[in-house]
Amino acid sequence: MESNNIIKFTFSGHESFACKTLWLKKGYDYIKGKKDFNSPEAVVHLGVGKNMVSSIRFWYKAFGLSKDAETNRIADYIFNSEDGKDPFVEDLGTLWLLHFLLIHTKEASLYNLFFTEFHKERHEFDRSQIASFVKRKMIEAGKDNLFNENTIKKDIGVLLQNYCLPRNPQSNEDFSTLLMDLDLLRQMDKKDNVNSRERYFFNVEGKRQVVPEIFLFAILMAKEEEDNSIPYDMLQELGLIFGMDNLEVIEMSKSLADKYCDSLSYSDVAGIRQLQFIKQMKPKQVLDMYYE
């Protein structure tokens, strides 16, 4: 969960495009059709410009949907045209699932850094504060020679496009970003009084409701397979990803233990809170319980 686990820092690749709603489905079908993103025909088959082709390929990988240029099991599970659970991403749970995968996969480093460690430090922020934070983390990791301010600025701009509602939309296209409906980030009404910078905040209270099974899926993906006890600090880390405060994390843990009492229990003894797996659960099993 910690950003220190990010062995490499990966930025750019999105061609300054946020991920559009149907791009992951487009990417899935394209790869399933054994087609090559580097082919001159890609712009025709995908129906977008050359830079957007590169962006679709980038986002498909960033969301953890491919392995060695092939679709993986989670991609098949969601996007398969015949038996995929939500090929056109119409379900709120799928949005939360994809949001988690984007952060958990760490192919786009900024998202993991931003929603875990940066979120720990700040509730409100401007773009320059994100950039300074990333630079500090890269210095701490001995990777400061790789820091490029312009590249990071572009990444930050795209991250905000992915999650924030546009303030001055020009067309419906401005609302076609995949993760915007989660309402996880918002732009503040007032700019910074000192330097007139646009400020933003984590929309902890107003975001869309977190789907319990997707939070449980996240727990299973984040824990070691042999770990049956999930300490509260790990639950808090996951809560940061989903924009949850401490009370919401506790209530979610209790709710999961009540709903799946044959497999889970929640305890709070002498101030030590933890979620305990009584019976083994698998990530796919949990997704099946949600979608079926």
Protein backbone atom coordinates (compact mmCIF):
# COMPACT_ATOMS: atom_id res chain seq x y z
CA MET A 1 0.00 0.00 0.00
CA GLU A 2 2.86 2.38 0.76
CA SER A 3 4.34 4.39 -2.08
CA ASN A 4 7.77 3.14 -1.00
CA ASN A 5 6.73 -0.10 -2.66
CA ILE A 6 6.69 1.71 -5.99
CA ILE A 7 10.00 0.50 -7.37
CA LYS A 8 9.77 2.68 -10.45
CA PHE A 9 8.05 6.00 -11.02
CA THR A 10 6.02 6.05 -14.23
CA PHE A 11 4.55 9.27 -15.55
CA SER A 12 3.04 10.49 -18.86
CA GLY A 13 1.82 8.21 -21.66
CA HIS A 14 -1.75 9.53 -21.64
CA GLU A 15 -1.08 12.12 -24.39
CA SER A 16 -2.87 14.65 -22.12
CA PHE A 17 -6.21 12.83 -22.47
CA ALA A 18 -8.26 11.69 -19.49
CA CYS A 19 -9.78 8.21 -19.84
CA LYS A 20 -13.11 8.41 -21.64
CA THR A 21 -16.07 6.23 -20.63
CA LEU A 22 -15.91 3.71 -23.49
CA TRP A 23 -12.15 3.64 -24.05
CA LEU A 24 -11.47 0.56 -21.93
CA LYS A 25 -14.15 -1.39 -23.82
CA LYS A 26 -12.66 -0.17 -27.11
CA GLY A 27 -9.21 -1.27 -25.97
CA TYR A 28 -10.51 -4.65 -24.83
CA ASP A 29 -12.28 -5.42 -28.11
CA TYR A 30 -9.27 -4.22 -30.09
CA ILE A 31 -6.84 -6.49 -28.23
CA LYS A 32 -9.28 -9.41 -28.35
CA GLY A 33 -9.38 -8.95 -32.12
CA LYS A 34 -5.61 -9.57 -32.19
CA LYS A 35 -4.99 -6.08 -33.50
CA ASP A 36 -1.86 -4.02 -32.91
CA PHE A 37 -1.98 -0.53 -31.39
CA ASN A 38 1.11 0.35 -33.44
CA SER A 39 -0.62 -0.46 -36.71
CA PRO A 40 -1.44 2.48 -39.04
CA GLU A 41 -4.94 0.98 -39.20
CA ALA A 42 -5.52 1.53 -35.48
CA VAL A 43 -6.98 5.01 -36.00
CA VAL A 44 -9.56 3.51 -38.39
CA HIS A 45 -10.49 0.52 -36.22
CA LEU A 46 -10.74 2.55 -33.02
CA GLY A 47 -12.31 5.60 -34.65
CA VAL A 48 -10.02 8.09 -32.92
CA GLY A 49 -6.91 10.13 -33.73
CA LYS A 50 -3.35 8.81 -33.47
CA ASN A 51 -2.68 10.40 -30.06
CA MET A 52 -5.93 9.00 -28.70
CA VAL A 53 -4.89 5.51 -29.87
CA SER A 54 -1.76 5.86 -27.72
CA SER A 55 -3.87 7.14 -24.84
CA ILE A 56 -6.31 4.19 -25.02
CA ARG A 57 -3.37 1.79 -24.92
CA PHE A 58 -1.90 3.66 -21.94
CA TRP A 59 -5.12 3.69 -19.90
CA TYR A 60 -5.88 0.06 -20.66
CA LYS A 61 -2.54 -0.91 -19.14
CA ALA A 62 -2.79 1.65 -16.31
CA PHE A 63 -6.06 0.09 -15.13
CA GLY A 64 -4.34 -3.30 -14.91
CA LEU A 65 -6.36 -4.89 -17.71
CA SER A 66 -3.55 -6.35 -19.80
CA LYS A 67 -0.59 -8.66 -19.38
CA ASP A 68 2.06 -9.11 -22.05
CA ALA A 69 -0.15 -7.33 -24.62
CA GLU A 70 -3.05 -9.73 -23.88
CA THR A 71 -6.25 -9.14 -21.94
CA ASN A 72 -6.22 -10.61 -18.45
CA ARG A 73 -8.89 -12.31 -16.35
CA ILE A 74 -10.30 -9.16 -14.75
CA ALA A 75 -10.64 -7.55 -18.20
CA ASP A 76 -12.50 -10.62 -19.49
CA TYR A 77 -14.65 -10.63 -16.36
CA ILE A 78 -15.81 -7.04 -16.94
CA PHE A 79 -15.66 -6.38 -20.68
CA ASN A 80 -16.29 -9.64 -22.53
CA SER A 81 -19.16 -9.01 -24.97
CA GLU A 82 -20.81 -12.38 -24.33
CA ASP A 83 -20.61 -12.86 -20.58
CA GLY A 84 -18.81 -9.80 -19.18
CA LYS A 85 -20.43 -8.41 -16.04
CA ASP A 86 -20.52 -4.77 -17.15
CA PRO A 87 -18.98 -4.24 -20.62
CA PHE A 88 -20.14 -0.64 -20.95
CA VAL A 89 -19.39 0.35 -17.34
CA GLU A 90 -22.94 1.24 -16.35
CA ASP A 91 -22.70 0.02 -12.74
CA LEU A 92 -21.39 2.15 -9.87
CA GLY A 93 -19.56 -0.88 -8.48
CA THR A 94 -17.58 -1.21 -11.71
CA LEU A 95 -16.46 2.42 -11.45
CA TRP A 96 -15.22 1.82 -7.89
CA LEU A 97 -13.54 -1.40 -9.03
CA LEU A 98 -11.71 0.34 -11.88
CA HIS A 99 -10.73 3.22 -9.60
CA PHE A 100 -9.18 0.76 -7.16
CA LEU A 101 -7.38 -1.14 -9.94
CA LEU A 102 -5.87 2.09 -11.29
CA ILE A 103 -4.34 2.82 -7.89
CA HIS A 104 -3.47 -0.76 -6.93
CA THR A 105 -1.75 -1.53 -10.25
CA LYS A 106 0.69 1.41 -9.89
CA GLU A 107 1.30 1.59 -13.64
CA ALA A 108 0.46 5.30 -13.42
CA SER A 109 2.45 6.24 -10.31
CA LEU A 110 0.71 9.51 -9.55
CA TYR A 111 -2.63 7.86 -8.73
CA ASN A 112 -1.21 5.62 -6.01
CA LEU A 113 0.85 8.42 -4.52
CA PHE A 114 -2.06 10.86 -4.63
CA PHE A 115 -4.86 8.72 -3.18
CA THR A 116 -2.77 7.13 -0.43
CA GLU A 117 0.08 9.21 0.98
CA PHE A 118 -0.87 12.65 -0.33
CA HIS A 119 -4.43 12.13 0.91
CA LYS A 120 -3.02 11.37 4.37
CA GLU A 121 -1.36 14.77 4.47
CA ARG A 122 -3.98 17.06 2.93
CA HIS A 123 -7.71 17.37 2.52
CA GLU A 124 -7.52 20.56 0.45
CA PHE A 125 -4.81 21.32 -2.08
CA ASP A 126 -3.72 23.03 -5.27
CA ARG A 127 -1.75 21.64 -8.21
CA SER A 128 1.59 22.98 -7.02
CA GLN A 129 1.21 21.14 -3.70
CA ILE A 130 0.73 17.83 -5.52
CA ALA A 131 3.83 18.52 -7.64
CA SER A 132 5.92 19.40 -4.56
CA PHE A 133 4.75 16.23 -2.84
CA VAL A 134 5.72 14.04 -5.83
CA LYS A 135 9.14 15.71 -5.99
CA ARG A 136 9.69 15.07 -2.28
CA LYS A 137 8.76 11.40 -2.66
CA MET A 138 11.12 11.00 -5.59
CA ILE A 139 13.95 12.64 -3.64
CA GLU A 140 13.29 10.28 -0.72
CA ALA A 141 13.46 7.34 -3.13
CA GLY A 142 16.70 8.62 -4.69
CA LYS A 143 14.93 9.19 -8.02
CA ASP A 144 14.99 13.00 -8.06
CA ASN A 145 17.06 12.95 -11.25
CA LEU A 146 13.94 11.60 -13.01
CA PHE A 147 11.70 14.44 -11.84
CA ASN A 148 10.43 16.55 -14.73
CA GLU A 149 8.21 19.42 -13.64
CA ASN A 150 6.37 19.81 -16.96
CA THR A 151 5.60 16.09 -17.15
CA ILE A 152 4.28 16.03 -13.59
CA LYS A 153 2.15 19.13 -14.23
CA LYS A 154 0.52 17.39 -17.21
CA ASP A 155 -0.10 14.25 -15.16
CA ILE A 156 -1.73 16.32 -12.42
CA GLY A 157 -3.94 18.11 -14.95
CA VAL A 158 -5.13 14.79 -16.38
CA LEU A 159 -5.75 13.33 -12.91
CA LEU A 160 -8.00 16.27 -12.09
CA GLN A 161 -9.78 15.86 -15.44
CA ASN A 162 -10.39 12.21 -14.60
CA TYR A 163 -12.15 12.96 -11.32
CA CYS A 164 -13.44 16.56 -11.25
CA LEU A 165 -16.60 17.88 -12.81
CA PRO A 166 -15.75 20.63 -15.33
CA ARG A 167 -16.44 24.15 -14.08
CA ASN A 168 -17.07 25.63 -17.53
CA PRO A 169 -18.15 22.77 -19.80
CA GLN A 170 -18.20 23.47 -23.53
CA SER A 171 -20.08 20.34 -24.60
CA ASN A 172 -21.36 16.96 -23.39
CA GLU A 173 -17.92 15.60 -24.27
CA ASP A 174 -16.58 17.36 -21.17
CA PHE A 175 -18.68 14.97 -19.06
CA SER A 176 -17.53 11.76 -20.80
CA THR A 177 -14.64 10.99 -18.45
CA LEU A 178 -14.86 7.48 -16.97
CA LEU A 179 -14.31 8.13 -13.24
CA MET A 180 -15.96 11.54 -12.94
CA ASP A 181 -19.24 10.05 -11.66
CA LEU A 182 -17.54 8.89 -8.45
CA ASP A 183 -17.42 12.57 -7.41
CA LEU A 184 -14.21 11.90 -5.43
CA LEU A 185 -12.60 15.29 -6.06
CA ARG A 186 -14.11 18.74 -6.36
CA GLN A 187 -12.82 22.15 -7.22
CA MET A 188 -13.42 24.76 -4.53
CA ASP A 189 -15.54 27.80 -5.30
CA LYS A 190 -12.89 30.25 -4.11
CA LYS A 191 -9.30 30.49 -5.27
CA ASP A 192 -6.34 30.82 -2.93
CA ASN A 193 -6.40 34.42 -1.66
CA VAL A 194 -2.61 34.72 -1.75
CA ASN A 195 -1.72 33.49 -5.24
CA SER A 196 -5.13 33.01 -6.94
CA ARG A 197 -4.49 29.31 -7.54
CA GLU A 198 -7.41 26.98 -8.12
CA ARG A 199 -7.93 24.79 -5.07
CA TYR A 200 -9.46 21.33 -4.80
CA PHE A 201 -10.56 18.96 -2.06
CA PHE A 202 -11.24 15.27 -1.44
CA ASN A 203 -15.02 15.01 -1.46
CA VAL A 204 -15.22 12.63 1.49
CA GLU A 205 -18.78 13.46 2.49
CA GLY A 206 -20.33 13.98 -0.93
CA LYS A 207 -18.82 11.19 -3.04
CA ARG A 208 -20.90 8.34 -4.44
CA GLN A 209 -21.57 5.51 -2.00
CA VAL A 210 -18.77 2.94 -1.82
CA VAL A 211 -19.97 -0.55 -2.78
CA PRO A 212 -19.19 -2.93 0.14
CA GLU A 213 -18.19 -5.87 -2.07
CA ILE A 214 -15.71 -3.71 -3.98
CA PHE A 215 -14.15 -2.60 -0.68
CA LEU A 216 -13.95 -6.26 0.34
CA PHE A 217 -12.38 -7.10 -3.02
CA ALA A 218 -9.79 -4.38 -2.34
CA ILE A 219 -8.99 -5.91 1.05
CA LEU A 220 -8.44 -9.32 -0.54
CA MET A 221 -6.21 -7.87 -3.25
CA ALA A 222 -4.15 -5.83 -0.79
CA LYS A 223 -3.58 -8.46 1.90
CA GLU A 224 -1.13 -11.34 1.82
CA GLU A 225 -2.96 -14.57 0.98
CA GLU A 226 -2.11 -16.22 4.30
CA ASP A 227 -3.17 -13.21 6.40
CA ASN A 228 -6.50 -13.80 8.11
CA SER A 229 -6.40 -10.76 10.41
CA ILE A 230 -6.63 -7.33 8.77
CA PRO A 231 -5.40 -4.58 11.09
CA TYR A 232 -7.23 -1.29 11.26
CA ASP A 233 -4.33 0.70 9.80
CA MET A 234 -4.58 -1.35 6.61
CA LEU A 235 -8.32 -0.74 6.47
CA GLN A 236 -7.60 2.99 6.89
CA GLU A 237 -5.11 2.88 3.99
CA LEU A 238 -7.76 1.33 1.77
CA GLY A 239 -10.29 3.84 3.04
CA LEU A 240 -8.08 6.66 1.76
CA ILE A 241 -8.26 5.18 -1.75
CA PHE A 242 -12.06 5.19 -1.61
CA GLY A 243 -12.28 8.66 -0.04
CA MET A 244 -13.59 7.27 3.27
CA ASP A 245 -13.10 8.82 6.70
CA ASN A 246 -12.36 6.73 9.80
CA LEU A 247 -15.99 6.43 10.87
CA GLU A 248 -16.99 5.24 7.41
CA VAL A 249 -14.20 2.64 7.43
CA ILE A 250 -15.41 1.30 10.79
CA GLU A 251 -19.05 1.21 9.67
CA MET A 252 -18.07 -0.49 6.40
CA SER A 253 -16.07 -3.14 8.29
CA LYS A 254 -18.97 -3.81 10.68
CA SER A 255 -21.43 -3.97 7.78
CA LEU A 256 -19.29 -6.50 5.89
CA ALA A 257 -18.95 -8.64 9.03
CA ASP A 258 -22.73 -8.59 9.50
CA LYS A 259 -23.49 -9.34 5.86
CA TYR A 260 -20.93 -12.14 5.52
CA CYS A 261 -20.94 -13.38 9.11
CA ASP A 262 -20.03 -16.92 8.06
CA SER A 263 -16.74 -15.64 6.61
CA LEU A 264 -15.92 -12.40 8.46
CA SER A 265 -15.92 -10.96 11.95
CA TYR A 266 -15.07 -7.48 13.21
CA SER A 267 -13.64 -6.84 16.65
CA ASP A 268 -12.84 -3.74 18.68
CA VAL A 269 -11.17 -4.86 21.92
CA ALA A 270 -9.15 -2.50 24.12
CA GLY A 271 -8.94 -0.04 21.24
CA ILE A 272 -7.53 -2.65 18.83
CA ARG A 273 -9.76 -2.86 15.79
CA GLN A 274 -9.45 -5.57 13.16
CA LEU A 275 -11.35 -7.52 10.54
CA GLN A 276 -10.93 -11.28 10.78
CA PHE A 277 -11.45 -13.85 8.02
CA ILE A 278 -13.11 -16.89 9.60
CA LYS A 279 -13.32 -18.62 6.25
CA GLN A 280 -11.20 -18.05 3.16
CA MET A 281 -12.65 -15.75 0.51
CA LYS A 282 -11.36 -15.21 -3.02
CA PRO A 283 -11.49 -11.90 -4.95
CA LYS A 284 -13.49 -13.38 -7.84
CA GLN A 285 -15.93 -14.98 -5.39
CA VAL A 286 -16.62 -11.56 -3.87
CA LEU A 287 -17.16 -9.96 -7.28
CA ASP A 288 -19.54 -12.78 -8.20
CA MET A 289 -21.55 -12.09 -5.04
CA TYR A 290 -21.92 -8.48 -6.13
CA TYR A 291 -22.67 -8.91 -9.83
CA GLU A 292 -24.82 -12.03 -9.56
